[in-house]
PDB file of N, CA and C in Angstrom:
ATOM      1  N   UNK A   1      84.424 114.316 109.390  1.00  0.00           N
ATOM      2  CA  UNK A   1      85.540 113.298 108.915  1.00  0.00           C
ATOM      3  C   UNK A   1      86.739 113.881 108.382  1.00  0.00           C
ATOM      4  N   UNK A   2      87.996 113.647 108.869  1.00  0.00           N
ATOM      5  CA  UNK A   2      88.864 113.820 107.762  1.00  0.00           C
ATOM      6  C   UNK A   2      89.924 112.779 107.554  1.00  0.00           C
ATOM      7  N   UNK A   3      90.782 112.515 106.625  1.00  0.00           N
ATOM      8  CA  UNK A   3      92.066 111.404 106.779  1.00  0.00           C
ATOM      9  C   UNK A   3      93.208 112.065 106.814  1.00  0.00           C
ATOM     10  N   UNK A   4      94.259 111.916 107.284  1.00  0.00           N
ATOM     11  CA  UNK A   4      95.546 112.284 107.093  1.00  0.00           C
ATOM     12  C   UNK A   4      96.542 111.028 106.554  1.00  0.00           C
ATOM     13  N   UNK A   5      97.243 111.424 105.851  1.00  0.00           N
ATOM     14  CA  UNK A   5      98.403 109.858 105.563  1.00  0.00           C
ATOM     15  C   UNK A   5      99.359 110.597 106.328  1.00  0.00           C
ATOM     16  N   UNK A   6      99.985 109.502 106.845  1.00  0.00           N
ATOM     17  CA  UNK A   6     100.980 109.870 108.143  1.00  0.00           C
ATOM     18  C   UNK A   6     102.002 108.443 107.446  1.00  0.00           C
ATOM     19  N   UNK A   7     102.823 108.752 106.523  1.00  0.00           N
ATOM     20  CA  UNK A   7     103.622 107.952 105.914  1.00  0.00           C
ATOM     21  C   UNK A   7     104.697 108.631 105.382  1.00  0.00           C
ATOM     22  N   UNK A   8     105.282 108.492 104.352  1.00  0.00           N
ATOM     23  CA  UNK A   8     106.048 108.887 103.511  1.00  0.00           C
ATOM     24  C   UNK A   8     106.263 110.102 103.516  1.00  0.00           C
ATOM     25  N   UNK A   9     105.407 110.774 103.042  1.00  0.00           N
ATOM     26  CA  UNK A   9     104.847 111.961 102.453  1.00  0.00           C
ATOM     27  C   UNK A   9     105.418 112.842 104.269  1.00  0.00           C
ATOM     28  N   UNK A  10     104.888 112.164 105.281  1.00  0.00           N
ATOM     29  CA  UNK A  10     105.210 113.380 106.662  1.00  0.00           C
ATOM     30  C   UNK A  10     106.504 112.590 107.393  1.00  0.00           C
ATOM     31  N   UNK A  11     107.249 111.866 106.905  1.00  0.00           N
ATOM     32  CA  UNK A  11     108.586 111.735 107.120  1.00  0.00           C
ATOM     33  C   UNK A  11     109.650 112.445 107.064  1.00  0.00           C
ATOM     34  N   UNK A  12     109.336 113.172 105.457  1.00  0.00           N
ATOM     35  CA  UNK A  12     110.232 114.097 105.395  1.00  0.00           C
ATOM     36  C   UNK A  12     111.417 113.540 104.138  1.00  0.00           C
ATOM     37  N   UNK A  13     112.347 114.921 104.324  1.00  0.00           N
ATOM     38  CA  UNK A  13     113.538 114.214 103.529  1.00  0.00           C
ATOM     39  C   UNK A  13     114.913 114.289 104.057  1.00  0.00           C
ATOM     40  N   UNK A  14     116.091 113.745 103.849  1.00  0.00           N
ATOM     41  CA  UNK A  14     116.967 114.019 104.212  1.00  0.00           C
ATOM     42  C   UNK A  14     117.748 115.452 103.604  1.00  0.00           C
ATOM     43  N   UNK A  15     118.443 116.429 104.745  1.00  0.00           N
ATOM     44  CA  UNK A  15     118.857 117.398 104.615  1.00  0.00           C
ATOM     45  C   UNK A  15     120.334 117.281 103.822  1.00  0.00           C
ATOM     46  N   UNK A  16     120.775 116.452 104.285  1.00  0.00           N
ATOM     47  CA  UNK A  16     121.872 116.311 103.944  1.00  0.00           C
ATOM     48  C   UNK A  16     122.024 115.841 102.219  1.00  0.00           C
ATOM     49  N   UNK A  17     120.911 114.620 101.770  1.00  0.00           N
ATOM     50  CA  UNK A  17     120.774 114.189 100.703  1.00  0.00           C
ATOM     51  C   UNK A  17     119.917 114.861  99.561  1.00  0.00           C
ATOM     52  N   UNK A  18     118.732 114.939 100.387  1.00  0.00           N
ATOM     53  CA  UNK A  18     117.248 115.202  99.652  1.00  0.00           C
ATOM     54  C   UNK A  18     116.728 114.022  99.727  1.00  0.00           C
ATOM     55  N   UNK A  19     116.944 112.745  99.764  1.00  0.00           N
ATOM     56  CA  UNK A  19     116.301 111.559  99.508  1.00  0.00           C
ATOM     57  C   UNK A  19     115.025 111.236 100.695  1.00  0.00           C
ATOM     58  N   UNK A  20     113.859 110.842 100.100  1.00  0.00           N
ATOM     59  CA  UNK A  20     113.082 110.747 101.155  1.00  0.00           C
ATOM     60  C   UNK A  20     113.494 109.735 102.252  1.00  0.00           C
ATOM     61  N   UNK A  21     112.645 109.733 103.457  1.00  0.00           N
ATOM     62  CA  UNK A  21     112.678 108.944 104.519  1.00  0.00           C
ATOM     63  C   UNK A  21     111.665 107.891 104.067  1.00  0.00           C
ATOM     64  N   UNK A  22     111.856 106.461 104.272  1.00  0.00           N
ATOM     65  CA  UNK A  22     110.825 105.526 104.083  1.00  0.00           C
ATOM     66  C   UNK A  22     110.430 104.817 105.447  1.00  0.00           C
ATOM     67  N   UNK A  23     109.415 105.564 106.227  1.00  0.00           N
ATOM     68  CA  UNK A  23     109.213 104.632 107.355  1.00  0.00           C
ATOM     69  C   UNK A  23     108.800 103.019 106.862  1.00  0.00           C
ATOM     70  N   UNK A  24     108.973 102.411 107.965  1.00  0.00           N
ATOM     71  CA  UNK A  24     108.218 100.901 108.037  1.00  0.00           C
ATOM     72  C   UNK A  24     107.086 100.823 107.423  1.00  0.00           C
ATOM     73  N   UNK A  25     106.266 101.620 108.121  1.00  0.00           N
ATOM     74  CA  UNK A  25     104.526 101.647 108.054  1.00  0.00           C
ATOM     75  C   UNK A  25     103.963 102.991 107.094  1.00  0.00           C
ATOM     76  N   UNK A  26     103.304 102.628 106.682  1.00  0.00           N
ATOM     77  CA  UNK A  26     102.050 103.810 106.003  1.00  0.00           C
ATOM     78  C   UNK A  26     101.136 103.800 106.448  1.00  0.00           C
ATOM     79  N   UNK A  27     100.990 105.382 107.413  1.00  0.00           N
ATOM     80  CA  UNK A  27      99.480 104.855 107.948  1.00  0.00           C
ATOM     81  C   UNK A  27      98.441 105.955 107.990  1.00  0.00           C
ATOM     82  N   UNK A  28      97.367 105.971 108.256  1.00  0.00           N
ATOM     83  CA  UNK A  28      96.353 107.213 107.954  1.00  0.00           C
ATOM     84  C   UNK A  28      95.491 107.356 109.239  1.00  0.00           C
ATOM     85  N   UNK A  29      95.657 108.547 109.472  1.00  0.00           N
ATOM     86  CA  UNK A  29      95.064 109.352 110.761  1.00  0.00           C
ATOM     87  C   UNK A  29      93.398 109.548 110.609  1.00  0.00           C
ATOM     88  N   UNK A  30      92.376 109.127 110.862  1.00  0.00           N
ATOM     89  CA  UNK A  30      91.329 109.532 110.588  1.00  0.00           C
ATOM     90  C   UNK A  30      91.103 110.170 111.867  1.00  0.00           C
ATOM     91  N   UNK A  31      90.380 111.905 111.812  1.00  0.00           N
ATOM     92  CA  UNK A  31      89.903 112.453 113.075  1.00  0.00           C
ATOM     93  C   UNK A  31      88.109 112.683 112.494  1.00  0.00           C
ATOM     94  N   UNK A  32      87.615 112.473 114.112  1.00  0.00           N
ATOM     95  CA  UNK A  32      86.273 112.591 113.951  1.00  0.00           C
ATOM     96  C   UNK A  32      85.824 113.432 115.113  1.00  0.00           C
ATOM     97  N   UNK A  33      85.064 114.501 114.612  1.00  0.00           N
ATOM     98  CA  UNK A  33      84.457 115.741 115.374  1.00  0.00           C
ATOM     99  C   UNK A  33      83.602 115.078 116.883  1.00  0.00           C
ATOM    100  N   UNK A  34      83.591 115.287 117.893  1.00  0.00           N
ATOM    101  CA  UNK A  34      82.993 114.721 119.066  1.00  0.00           C
ATOM    102  C   UNK A  34      81.444 115.635 118.731  1.00  0.00           C
ATOM    103  N   UNK A  35      80.522 114.621 119.446  1.00  0.00           N
ATOM    104  CA  UNK A  35      79.245 114.754 119.465  1.00  0.00           C
ATOM    105  C   UNK A  35      78.597 115.427 118.068  1.00  0.00           C
ATOM    106  N   UNK A  36      78.975 114.947 116.787  1.00  0.00           N
ATOM    107  CA  UNK A  36      78.623 114.880 115.668  1.00  0.00           C
ATOM    108  C   UNK A  36      78.005 114.514 114.606  1.00  0.00           C
ATOM    109  N   UNK A  37      78.709 112.927 114.819  1.00  0.00           N
ATOM    110  CA  UNK A  37      78.205 111.810 114.239  1.00  0.00           C
ATOM    111  C   UNK A  37      77.261 110.592 114.987  1.00  0.00           C
ATOM    112  N   UNK A  38      76.627 110.114 114.229  1.00  0.00           N
ATOM    113  CA  UNK A  38      75.629 109.208 115.119  1.00  0.00           C
ATOM    114  C   UNK A  38      75.992 108.313 114.690  1.00  0.00           C
ATOM    115  N   UNK A  39      75.942 106.780 115.860  1.00  0.00           N
ATOM    116  CA  UNK A  39      76.099 105.692 115.446  1.00  0.00           C
ATOM    117  C   UNK A  39      76.476 104.765 114.051  1.00  0.00           C
ATOM    118  N   UNK A  40      75.291 105.348 113.583  1.00  0.00           N
ATOM    119  CA  UNK A  40      75.068 104.836 111.958  1.00  0.00           C
ATOM    120  C   UNK A  40      76.365 105.299 111.346  1.00  0.00           C
ATOM    121  N   UNK A  41      76.667 106.562 111.060  1.00  0.00           N
ATOM    122  CA  UNK A  41      77.984 107.178 110.732  1.00  0.00           C
ATOM    123  C   UNK A  41      79.360 106.502 111.233  1.00  0.00           C
ATOM    124  N   UNK A  42      78.982 106.024 112.542  1.00  0.00           N
ATOM    125  CA  UNK A  42      80.771 105.437 112.718  1.00  0.00           C
ATOM    126  C   UNK A  42      80.714 103.824 112.345  1.00  0.00           C
ATOM    127  N   UNK A  43      79.264 103.208 111.858  1.00  0.00           N
ATOM    128  CA  UNK A  43      79.090 101.899 111.310  1.00  0.00           C
ATOM    129  C   UNK A  43      79.583 102.338 110.260  1.00  0.00           C
ATOM    130  N   UNK A  44      79.177 103.001 109.304  1.00  0.00           N
ATOM    131  CA  UNK A  44      79.602 103.104 107.753  1.00  0.00           C
ATOM    132  C   UNK A  44      81.384 103.490 107.490  1.00  0.00           C
ATOM    133  N   UNK A  45      81.570 104.397 108.694  1.00  0.00           N
ATOM    134  CA  UNK A  45      83.156 104.838 108.188  1.00  0.00           C
ATOM    135  C   UNK A  45      84.003 103.571 108.930  1.00  0.00           C
ATOM    136  N   UNK A  46      83.205 102.592 109.627  1.00  0.00           N
ATOM    137  CA  UNK A  46      84.053 101.112 110.116  1.00  0.00           C
ATOM    138  C   UNK A  46      84.020 100.483 109.251  1.00  0.00           C
ATOM    139  N   UNK A  47      82.927 100.704 108.111  1.00  0.00           N
ATOM    140  CA  UNK A  47      82.896  99.432 107.052  1.00  0.00           C
ATOM    141  C   UNK A  47      83.845  99.508 106.078  1.00  0.00           C
ATOM    142  N   UNK A  48      84.060 101.255 105.573  1.00  0.00           N
ATOM    143  CA  UNK A  48      84.997 101.794 104.775  1.00  0.00           C
ATOM    144  C   UNK A  48      86.158 101.293 104.908  1.00  0.00           C
ATOM    145  N   UNK A  49      86.616 101.526 106.505  1.00  0.00           N
ATOM    146  CA  UNK A  49      87.797 101.541 106.505  1.00  0.00           C
ATOM    147  C   UNK A  49      88.359  99.837 106.374  1.00  0.00           C
ATOM    148  N   UNK A  50      87.098  98.725 106.836  1.00  0.00           N
ATOM    149  CA  UNK A  50      86.992  97.310 106.460  1.00  0.00           C
ATOM    150  C   UNK A  50      87.918  97.098 105.033  1.00  0.00           C
ATOM    151  N   UNK A  51      86.692  97.894 104.173  1.00  0.00           N
ATOM    152  CA  UNK A  51      86.706  97.472 102.583  1.00  0.00           C
ATOM    153  C   UNK A  51      88.214  97.611 102.192  1.00  0.00           C
ATOM    154  N   UNK A  52      88.687  98.894 102.645  1.00  0.00           N
ATOM    155  CA  UNK A  52      89.338  99.483 102.225  1.00  0.00           C
ATOM    156  C   UNK A  52      90.743  98.202 102.322  1.00  0.00           C
ATOM    157  N   UNK A  53      91.037  97.958 103.643  1.00  0.00           N
ATOM    158  CA  UNK A  53      91.680  97.351 104.231  1.00  0.00           C
ATOM    159  C   UNK A  53      91.940  95.782 103.643  1.00  0.00           C
ATOM    160  N   UNK A  54      90.343  95.326 103.095  1.00  0.00           N
ATOM    161  CA  UNK A  54      90.595  93.848 102.549  1.00  0.00           C
ATOM    162  C   UNK A  54      90.864  94.355 100.927  1.00  0.00           C
ATOM    163  N   UNK A  55      90.816  95.451 100.413  1.00  0.00           N
ATOM    164  CA  UNK A  55      91.247  95.475  98.992  1.00  0.00           C
ATOM    165  C   UNK A  55      92.971  95.923  99.241  1.00  0.00           C
ATOM    166  N   UNK A  56      93.195  95.968  99.716  1.00  0.00           N
ATOM    167  CA  UNK A  56      94.734  96.852 100.125  1.00  0.00           C
ATOM    168  C   UNK A  56      95.844  96.522  99.162  1.00  0.00           C
ATOM    169  N   UNK A  57      95.481  95.295  98.620  1.00  0.00           N
ATOM    170  CA  UNK A  57      96.536  94.457  97.374  1.00  0.00           C
ATOM    171  C   UNK A  57      95.965  94.967  96.133  1.00  0.00           C
ATOM    172  N   UNK A  58      94.998  95.477  95.832  1.00  0.00           N
ATOM    173  CA  UNK A  58      94.473  95.306  94.598  1.00  0.00           C
ATOM    174  C   UNK A  58      95.438  96.323  93.547  1.00  0.00           C
ATOM    175  N   UNK A  59      95.059  96.428  92.604  1.00  0.00           N
ATOM    176  CA  UNK A  59      95.986  97.476  91.783  1.00  0.00           C
ATOM    177  C   UNK A  59      95.044  98.674  91.606  1.00  0.00           C
ATOM    178  N   UNK A  60      95.700  99.617  91.859  1.00  0.00           N
ATOM    179  CA  UNK A  60      95.403 101.046  92.093  1.00  0.00           C
ATOM    180  C   UNK A  60      94.935 101.337  90.328  1.00  0.00           C
ATOM    181  N   UNK A  61      94.903 100.838  89.134  1.00  0.00           N
ATOM    182  CA  UNK A  61      94.635 101.277  87.634  1.00  0.00           C
ATOM    183  C   UNK A  61      93.372 100.265  87.603  1.00  0.00           C
ATOM    184  N   UNK A  62      93.167  99.700  88.901  1.00  0.00           N
ATOM    185  CA  UNK A  62      91.701  98.878  88.455  1.00  0.00           C
ATOM    186  C   UNK A  62      91.545  97.282  87.878  1.00  0.00           C
ATOM    187  N   UNK A  63      93.363  97.263  87.565  1.00  0.00           N
ATOM    188  CA  UNK A  63      93.449  95.989  86.911  1.00  0.00           C
ATOM    189  C   UNK A  63      92.952  94.651  87.640  1.00  0.00           C
TER     190      UNK A  63
END
């Protein structure tokens, strides 16, 4: 299973000014290989995504 950021990094920069484009959303794409993982793996992944969502406003420095 892999995760990929689909926000500011993927949006790129202006060719004229070099400034970053700032999309309205910061997204994450999860890729899951077919026929490899069990339902227990999917349940654990869903729980992890839910935990990240509920803690989205926490300070990244652990304060």
